[in-house]
């Protein structure tokens, strides 16, 4: 798997606060893509794309509570 880590400018985190952070992207080259956004406030947004085309999305606030996050556009990074 190849992985990249890139910083991002402040955007709305799952807790509702504006926060910067890092995007982590891992890709196995065969269809598995893991995208994590880790916000400086401690929140996390996760997107897993599997080989069969299915997608799993989850958002977790900095206090550990899962939240229903509106679907965000995929910036491909």
PDB file of N, CA and C in Angstrom:
ATOM      1  N   UNK A   1       0.849  -1.176   0.000  1.00  0.00           N
ATOM      2  CA  UNK A   1       0.000   0.000   0.000  1.00  0.00           C
ATOM      3  C   UNK A   1       0.888   1.230   0.000  1.00  0.00           C
ATOM      4  N   UNK A   2       0.482   2.201  -0.765  1.00  0.00           N
ATOM      5  CA  UNK A   2       1.190   3.472  -0.770  1.00  0.00           C
ATOM      6  C   UNK A   2       0.383   4.463   0.047  1.00  0.00           C
ATOM      7  N   UNK A   3       1.045   5.280   0.807  1.00  0.00           N
ATOM      8  CA  UNK A   3       0.341   6.233   1.655  1.00  0.00           C
ATOM      9  C   UNK A   3       0.913   7.625   1.534  1.00  0.00           C
ATOM     10  N   UNK A   4       0.031   8.610   1.672  1.00  0.00           N
ATOM     11  CA  UNK A   4       0.459  10.010   1.684  1.00  0.00           C
ATOM     12  C   UNK A   4      -0.206  10.716   2.846  1.00  0.00           C
ATOM     13  N   UNK A   5       0.460  11.726   3.341  1.00  0.00           N
ATOM     14  CA  UNK A   5      -0.051  12.543   4.432  1.00  0.00           C
ATOM     15  C   UNK A   5       0.083  13.996   3.997  1.00  0.00           C
ATOM     16  N   UNK A   6      -1.030  14.740   3.990  1.00  0.00           N
ATOM     17  CA  UNK A   6      -0.994  16.147   3.596  1.00  0.00           C
ATOM     18  C   UNK A   6      -1.807  16.984   4.577  1.00  0.00           C
ATOM     19  N   UNK A   7      -1.315  18.163   4.917  1.00  0.00           N
ATOM     20  CA  UNK A   7      -2.070  19.047   5.803  1.00  0.00           C
ATOM     21  C   UNK A   7      -3.243  19.672   5.047  1.00  0.00           C
ATOM     22  N   UNK A   8      -4.278  20.064   5.784  1.00  0.00           N
ATOM     23  CA  UNK A   8      -5.370  20.818   5.166  1.00  0.00           C
ATOM     24  C   UNK A   8      -5.683  22.038   6.017  1.00  0.00           C
ATOM     25  N   UNK A   9      -6.227  23.065   5.353  1.00  0.00           N
ATOM     26  CA  UNK A   9      -6.585  24.308   6.026  1.00  0.00           C
ATOM     27  C   UNK A   9      -7.866  24.097   6.827  1.00  0.00           C
ATOM     28  N   UNK A  10      -8.149  24.980   7.769  1.00  0.00           N
ATOM     29  CA  UNK A  10      -9.326  24.791   8.624  1.00  0.00           C
ATOM     30  C   UNK A  10     -10.615  24.600   7.828  1.00  0.00           C
ATOM     31  N   UNK A  11     -11.375  23.596   8.243  1.00  0.00           N
ATOM     32  CA  UNK A  11     -12.711  23.342   7.718  1.00  0.00           C
ATOM     33  C   UNK A  11     -13.549  22.814   8.873  1.00  0.00           C
ATOM     34  N   UNK A  12     -14.831  22.693   8.658  1.00  0.00           N
ATOM     35  CA  UNK A  12     -15.723  22.283   9.734  1.00  0.00           C
ATOM     36  C   UNK A  12     -15.510  20.815  10.092  1.00  0.00           C
ATOM     37  N   UNK A  13     -15.148  20.574  11.335  1.00  0.00           N
ATOM     38  CA  UNK A  13     -14.930  19.221  11.862  1.00  0.00           C
ATOM     39  C   UNK A  13     -16.279  18.629  12.275  1.00  0.00           C
ATOM     40  N   UNK A  14     -16.332  17.323  12.534  1.00  0.00           N
ATOM     41  CA  UNK A  14     -17.581  16.703  12.974  1.00  0.00           C
ATOM     42  C   UNK A  14     -18.197  17.325  14.237  1.00  0.00           C
ATOM     43  N   UNK A  15     -17.399  17.980  15.066  1.00  0.00           N
ATOM     44  CA  UNK A  15     -17.924  18.626  16.274  1.00  0.00           C
ATOM     45  C   UNK A  15     -18.541  19.988  15.978  1.00  0.00           C
ATOM     46  N   UNK A  16     -18.350  20.496  14.755  1.00  0.00           N
ATOM     47  CA  UNK A  16     -18.902  21.789  14.373  1.00  0.00           C
ATOM     48  C   UNK A  16     -17.900  22.927  14.418  1.00  0.00           C
ATOM     49  N   UNK A  17     -16.729  22.698  14.995  1.00  0.00           N
ATOM     50  CA  UNK A  17     -15.699  23.737  15.062  1.00  0.00           C
ATOM     51  C   UNK A  17     -14.879  23.740  13.777  1.00  0.00           C
ATOM     52  N   UNK A  18     -14.307  24.897  13.454  1.00  0.00           N
ATOM     53  CA  UNK A  18     -13.363  24.985  12.339  1.00  0.00           C
ATOM     54  C   UNK A  18     -12.008  24.527  12.859  1.00  0.00           C
ATOM     55  N   UNK A  19     -11.396  23.594  12.135  1.00  0.00           N
ATOM     56  CA  UNK A  19     -10.117  23.062  12.580  1.00  0.00           C
ATOM     57  C   UNK A  19      -9.292  22.605  11.375  1.00  0.00           C
ATOM     58  N   UNK A  20      -7.997  22.815  11.447  1.00  0.00           N
ATOM     59  CA  UNK A  20      -7.073  22.299  10.431  1.00  0.00           C
ATOM     60  C   UNK A  20      -6.727  20.865  10.801  1.00  0.00           C
ATOM     61  N   UNK A  21      -5.861  20.237  10.029  1.00  0.00           N
ATOM     62  CA  UNK A  21      -5.439  18.883  10.351  1.00  0.00           C
ATOM     63  C   UNK A  21      -4.667  18.247   9.216  1.00  0.00           C
ATOM     64  N   UNK A  22      -4.711  16.902   9.164  1.00  0.00           N
ATOM     65  CA  UNK A  22      -3.993  16.153   8.133  1.00  0.00           C
ATOM     66  C   UNK A  22      -4.920  15.157   7.465  1.00  0.00           C
ATOM     67  N   UNK A  23      -4.712  14.984   6.157  1.00  0.00           N
ATOM     68  CA  UNK A  23      -5.384  13.932   5.402  1.00  0.00           C
ATOM     69  C   UNK A  23      -4.392  12.800   5.186  1.00  0.00           C
ATOM     70  N   UNK A  24      -4.820  11.595   5.513  1.00  0.00           N
ATOM     71  CA  UNK A  24      -4.012  10.406   5.275  1.00  0.00           C
ATOM     72  C   UNK A  24      -4.715   9.580   4.217  1.00  0.00           C
ATOM     73  N   UNK A  25      -3.985   9.194   3.165  1.00  0.00           N
ATOM     74  CA  UNK A  25      -4.560   8.394   2.091  1.00  0.00           C
ATOM     75  C   UNK A  25      -3.662   7.188   1.848  1.00  0.00           C
ATOM     76  N   UNK A  26      -4.253   5.995   1.928  1.00  0.00           N
ATOM     77  CA  UNK A  26      -3.564   4.744   1.599  1.00  0.00           C
ATOM     78  C   UNK A  26      -4.294   4.102   0.438  1.00  0.00           C
ATOM     79  N   UNK A  27      -3.550   3.590  -0.537  1.00  0.00           N
ATOM     80  CA  UNK A  27      -4.123   2.998  -1.743  1.00  0.00           C
ATOM     81  C   UNK A  27      -3.307   1.766  -2.098  1.00  0.00           C
ATOM     82  N   UNK A  28      -3.980   0.619  -2.274  1.00  0.00           N
ATOM     83  CA  UNK A  28      -3.244  -0.595  -2.612  1.00  0.00           C
ATOM     84  C   UNK A  28      -3.086  -0.786  -4.119  1.00  0.00           C
ATOM     85  N   UNK A  29      -3.664   0.124  -4.927  1.00  0.00           N
ATOM     86  CA  UNK A  29      -3.545   0.036  -6.374  1.00  0.00           C
ATOM     87  C   UNK A  29      -4.520  -0.945  -7.016  1.00  0.00           C
ATOM     88  N   UNK A  30      -5.324  -1.616  -6.214  1.00  0.00           N
ATOM     89  CA  UNK A  30      -6.281  -2.607  -6.719  1.00  0.00           C
ATOM     90  C   UNK A  30      -7.717  -2.274  -6.347  1.00  0.00           C
ATOM     91  N   UNK A  31      -7.953  -1.074  -5.851  1.00  0.00           N
ATOM     92  CA  UNK A  31      -9.313  -0.663  -5.523  1.00  0.00           C
ATOM     93  C   UNK A  31      -9.561  -0.353  -4.065  1.00  0.00           C
ATOM     94  N   UNK A  32      -8.660  -0.743  -3.170  1.00  0.00           N
ATOM     95  CA  UNK A  32      -8.823  -0.416  -1.764  1.00  0.00           C
ATOM     96  C   UNK A  32      -8.201   0.954  -1.508  1.00  0.00           C
ATOM     97  N   UNK A  33      -9.029   1.895  -1.050  1.00  0.00           N
ATOM     98  CA  UNK A  33      -8.548   3.243  -0.749  1.00  0.00           C
ATOM     99  C   UNK A  33      -9.057   3.617   0.643  1.00  0.00           C
ATOM    100  N   UNK A  34      -8.147   4.015   1.498  1.00  0.00           N
ATOM    101  CA  UNK A  34      -8.490   4.431   2.856  1.00  0.00           C
ATOM    102  C   UNK A  34      -8.122   5.895   2.988  1.00  0.00           C
ATOM    103  N   UNK A  35      -9.136   6.717   3.318  1.00  0.00           N
ATOM    104  CA  UNK A  35      -8.925   8.157   3.482  1.00  0.00           C
ATOM    105  C   UNK A  35      -9.354   8.540   4.875  1.00  0.00           C
ATOM    106  N   UNK A  36      -8.445   9.092   5.629  1.00  0.00           N
ATOM    107  CA  UNK A  36      -8.733   9.568   6.979  1.00  0.00           C
ATOM    108  C   UNK A  36      -8.414  11.051   7.054  1.00  0.00           C
ATOM    109  N   UNK A  37      -9.315  11.802   7.669  1.00  0.00           N
ATOM    110  CA  UNK A  37      -9.055  13.195   7.993  1.00  0.00           C
ATOM    111  C   UNK A  37      -8.937  13.247   9.502  1.00  0.00           C
ATOM    112  N   UNK A  38      -7.805  13.698   9.982  1.00  0.00           N
ATOM    113  CA  UNK A  38      -7.589  13.823  11.414  1.00  0.00           C
ATOM    114  C   UNK A  38      -7.454  15.316  11.720  1.00  0.00           C
ATOM    115  N   UNK A  39      -8.431  15.830  12.445  1.00  0.00           N
ATOM    116  CA  UNK A  39      -8.478  17.255  12.752  1.00  0.00           C
ATOM    117  C   UNK A  39      -7.646  17.554  13.993  1.00  0.00           C
ATOM    118  N   UNK A  40      -7.106  18.765  14.052  1.00  0.00           N
ATOM    119  CA  UNK A  40      -6.296  19.180  15.203  1.00  0.00           C
ATOM    120  C   UNK A  40      -7.097  19.163  16.508  1.00  0.00           C
ATOM    121  N   UNK A  41      -8.421  19.303  16.423  1.00  0.00           N
ATOM    122  CA  UNK A  41      -9.260  19.288  17.632  1.00  0.00           C
ATOM    123  C   UNK A  41      -9.466  17.869  18.159  1.00  0.00           C
ATOM    124  N   UNK A  42      -9.065  16.845  17.363  1.00  0.00           N
ATOM    125  CA  UNK A  42      -9.209  15.459  17.787  1.00  0.00           C
ATOM    126  C   UNK A  42     -10.303  14.703  17.060  1.00  0.00           C
ATOM    127  N   UNK A  43     -11.129  15.403  16.280  1.00  0.00           N
ATOM    128  CA  UNK A  43     -12.174  14.741  15.499  1.00  0.00           C
ATOM    129  C   UNK A  43     -11.545  13.969  14.347  1.00  0.00           C
ATOM    130  N   UNK A  44     -12.347  13.066  13.781  1.00  0.00           N
ATOM    131  CA  UNK A  44     -11.845  12.236  12.688  1.00  0.00           C
ATOM    132  C   UNK A  44     -12.970  11.929  11.703  1.00  0.00           C
ATOM    133  N   UNK A  45     -12.659  11.955  10.427  1.00  0.00           N
ATOM    134  CA  UNK A  45     -13.600  11.582   9.376  1.00  0.00           C
ATOM    135  C   UNK A  45     -12.922  10.476   8.569  1.00  0.00           C
ATOM    136  N   UNK A  46     -13.606   9.351   8.384  1.00  0.00           N
ATOM    137  CA  UNK A  46     -13.010   8.171   7.758  1.00  0.00           C
ATOM    138  C   UNK A  46     -13.827   7.762   6.544  1.00  0.00           C
ATOM    139  N   UNK A  47     -13.150   7.430   5.456  1.00  0.00           N
ATOM    140  CA  UNK A  47     -13.786   6.931   4.234  1.00  0.00           C
ATOM    141  C   UNK A  47     -12.966   5.742   3.744  1.00  0.00           C
ATOM    142  N   UNK A  48     -13.596   4.579   3.693  1.00  0.00           N
ATOM    143  CA  UNK A  48     -12.957   3.368   3.179  1.00  0.00           C
ATOM    144  C   UNK A  48     -13.682   2.943   1.914  1.00  0.00           C
ATOM    145  N   UNK A  49     -12.944   2.821   0.818  1.00  0.00           N
ATOM    146  CA  UNK A  49     -13.490   2.324  -0.444  1.00  0.00           C
ATOM    147  C   UNK A  49     -12.885   0.942  -0.657  1.00  0.00           C
ATOM    148  N   UNK A  50     -13.746  -0.064  -0.809  1.00  0.00           N
ATOM    149  CA  UNK A  50     -13.285  -1.444  -0.897  1.00  0.00           C
ATOM    150  C   UNK A  50     -13.206  -1.930  -2.339  1.00  0.00           C
ATOM    151  N   UNK A  51     -12.542  -3.068  -2.533  1.00  0.00           N
ATOM    152  CA  UNK A  51     -12.334  -3.648  -3.860  1.00  0.00           C
ATOM    153  C   UNK A  51     -13.632  -3.890  -4.612  1.00  0.00           C
ATOM    154  N   UNK A  52     -14.723  -4.181  -3.897  1.00  0.00           N
ATOM    155  CA  UNK A  52     -16.000  -4.467  -4.554  1.00  0.00           C
ATOM    156  C   UNK A  52     -16.792  -3.206  -4.892  1.00  0.00           C
ATOM    157  N   UNK A  53     -16.224  -2.027  -4.593  1.00  0.00           N
ATOM    158  CA  UNK A  53     -16.869  -0.760  -4.900  1.00  0.00           C
ATOM    159  C   UNK A  53     -17.684  -0.190  -3.750  1.00  0.00           C
ATOM    160  N   UNK A  54     -17.859  -0.944  -2.675  1.00  0.00           N
ATOM    161  CA  UNK A  54     -18.618  -0.431  -1.542  1.00  0.00           C
ATOM    162  C   UNK A  54     -17.793   0.620  -0.789  1.00  0.00           C
ATOM    163  N   UNK A  55     -18.512   1.505  -0.111  1.00  0.00           N
ATOM    164  CA  UNK A  55     -17.879   2.611   0.610  1.00  0.00           C
ATOM    165  C   UNK A  55     -18.423   2.641   2.029  1.00  0.00           C
ATOM    166  N   UNK A  56     -17.542   2.839   3.011  1.00  0.00           N
ATOM    167  CA  UNK A  56     -17.939   2.984   4.407  1.00  0.00           C
ATOM    168  C   UNK A  56     -17.475   4.353   4.882  1.00  0.00           C
ATOM    169  N   UNK A  57     -18.414   5.157   5.386  1.00  0.00           N
ATOM    170  CA  UNK A  57     -18.110   6.490   5.892  1.00  0.00           C
ATOM    171  C   UNK A  57     -18.414   6.550   7.379  1.00  0.00           C
ATOM    172  N   UNK A  58     -17.575   7.217   8.129  1.00  0.00           N
ATOM    173  CA  UNK A  58     -17.888   7.459   9.536  1.00  0.00           C
ATOM    174  C   UNK A  58     -17.205   8.741   9.994  1.00  0.00           C
ATOM    175  N   UNK A  59     -17.833   9.378  10.972  1.00  0.00           N
ATOM    176  CA  UNK A  59     -17.294  10.593  11.569  1.00  0.00           C
ATOM    177  C   UNK A  59     -17.325  10.435  13.075  1.00  0.00           C
ATOM    178  N   UNK A  60     -16.237  10.833  13.711  1.00  0.00           N
ATOM    179  CA  UNK A  60     -16.112  10.683  15.152  1.00  0.00           C
ATOM    180  C   UNK A  60     -15.651  12.016  15.733  1.00  0.00           C
ATOM    181  N   UNK A  61     -16.403  12.505  16.712  1.00  0.00           N
ATOM    182  CA  UNK A  61     -16.024  13.750  17.373  1.00  0.00           C
ATOM    183  C   UNK A  61     -14.828  13.526  18.284  1.00  0.00           C
ATOM    184  N   UNK A  62     -14.207  14.619  18.706  1.00  0.00           N
ATOM    185  CA  UNK A  62     -13.030  14.537  19.577  1.00  0.00           C
ATOM    186  C   UNK A  62     -13.343  13.906  20.933  1.00  0.00           C
ATOM    187  N   UNK A  63     -14.623  13.833  21.317  1.00  0.00           N
ATOM    188  CA  UNK A  63     -14.990  13.180  22.579  1.00  0.00           C
ATOM    189  C   UNK A  63     -15.315  11.692  22.389  1.00  0.00           C
ATOM    190  N   UNK A  64     -15.117  11.176  21.164  1.00  0.00           N
ATOM    191  CA  UNK A  64     -15.321   9.761  20.886  1.00  0.00           C
ATOM    192  C   UNK A  64     -16.712   9.401  20.387  1.00  0.00           C
ATOM    193  N   UNK A  65     -17.638  10.360  20.366  1.00  0.00           N
ATOM    194  CA  UNK A  65     -19.001  10.085  19.932  1.00  0.00           C
ATOM    195  C   UNK A  65     -19.094  10.069  18.406  1.00  0.00           C
ATOM    196  N   UNK A  66     -19.728   9.017  17.866  1.00  0.00           N
ATOM    197  CA  UNK A  66     -19.972   8.957  16.423  1.00  0.00           C
ATOM    198  C   UNK A  66     -21.087   9.919  16.070  1.00  0.00           C
ATOM    199  N   UNK A  67     -20.957  10.557  14.925  1.00  0.00           N
ATOM    200  CA  UNK A  67     -21.974  11.514  14.477  1.00  0.00           C
ATOM    201  C   UNK A  67     -22.356  11.222  13.035  1.00  0.00           C
ATOM    202  N   UNK A  68     -23.583  11.612  12.689  1.00  0.00           N
ATOM    203  CA  UNK A  68     -23.992  11.558  11.286  1.00  0.00           C
ATOM    204  C   UNK A  68     -23.521  12.861  10.682  1.00  0.00           C
ATOM    205  N   UNK A  69     -22.589  12.760   9.776  1.00  0.00           N
ATOM    206  CA  UNK A  69     -21.990  13.915   9.128  1.00  0.00           C
ATOM    207  C   UNK A  69     -22.608  14.055   7.752  1.00  0.00           C
ATOM    208  N   UNK A  70     -22.945  15.263   7.311  1.00  0.00           N
ATOM    209  CA  UNK A  70     -23.425  15.393   5.937  1.00  0.00           C
ATOM    210  C   UNK A  70     -22.342  14.920   4.972  1.00  0.00           C
ATOM    211  N   UNK A  71     -22.751  14.333   3.864  1.00  0.00           N
ATOM    212  CA  UNK A  71     -21.789  13.833   2.877  1.00  0.00           C
ATOM    213  C   UNK A  71     -20.994  15.000   2.323  1.00  0.00           C
ATOM    214  N   UNK A  72     -19.698  14.888   2.411  1.00  0.00           N
ATOM    215  CA  UNK A  72     -18.780  15.918   1.920  1.00  0.00           C
ATOM    216  C   UNK A  72     -18.280  15.540   0.538  1.00  0.00           C
ATOM    217  N   UNK A  73     -17.964  16.517  -0.289  1.00  0.00           N
ATOM    218  CA  UNK A  73     -17.369  16.172  -1.583  1.00  0.00           C
ATOM    219  C   UNK A  73     -16.018  15.491  -1.380  1.00  0.00           C
ATOM    220  N   UNK A  74     -15.692  14.579  -2.256  1.00  0.00           N
ATOM    221  CA  UNK A  74     -14.415  13.870  -2.192  1.00  0.00           C
ATOM    222  C   UNK A  74     -13.392  14.697  -2.957  1.00  0.00           C
ATOM    223  N   UNK A  75     -12.424  15.234  -2.231  1.00  0.00           N
ATOM    224  CA  UNK A  75     -11.419  16.093  -2.857  1.00  0.00           C
ATOM    225  C   UNK A  75     -10.282  15.282  -3.494  1.00  0.00           C
ATOM    226  N   UNK A  76     -10.342  13.977  -3.375  1.00  0.00           N
ATOM    227  CA  UNK A  76      -9.362  13.111  -4.030  1.00  0.00           C
ATOM    228  C   UNK A  76      -7.968  13.178  -3.460  1.00  0.00           C
ATOM    229  N   UNK A  77      -7.827  13.686  -2.264  1.00  0.00           N
ATOM    230  CA  UNK A  77      -6.489  13.751  -1.680  1.00  0.00           C
ATOM    231  C   UNK A  77      -6.414  12.980  -0.405  1.00  0.00           C
TER     232      UNK A  77
END
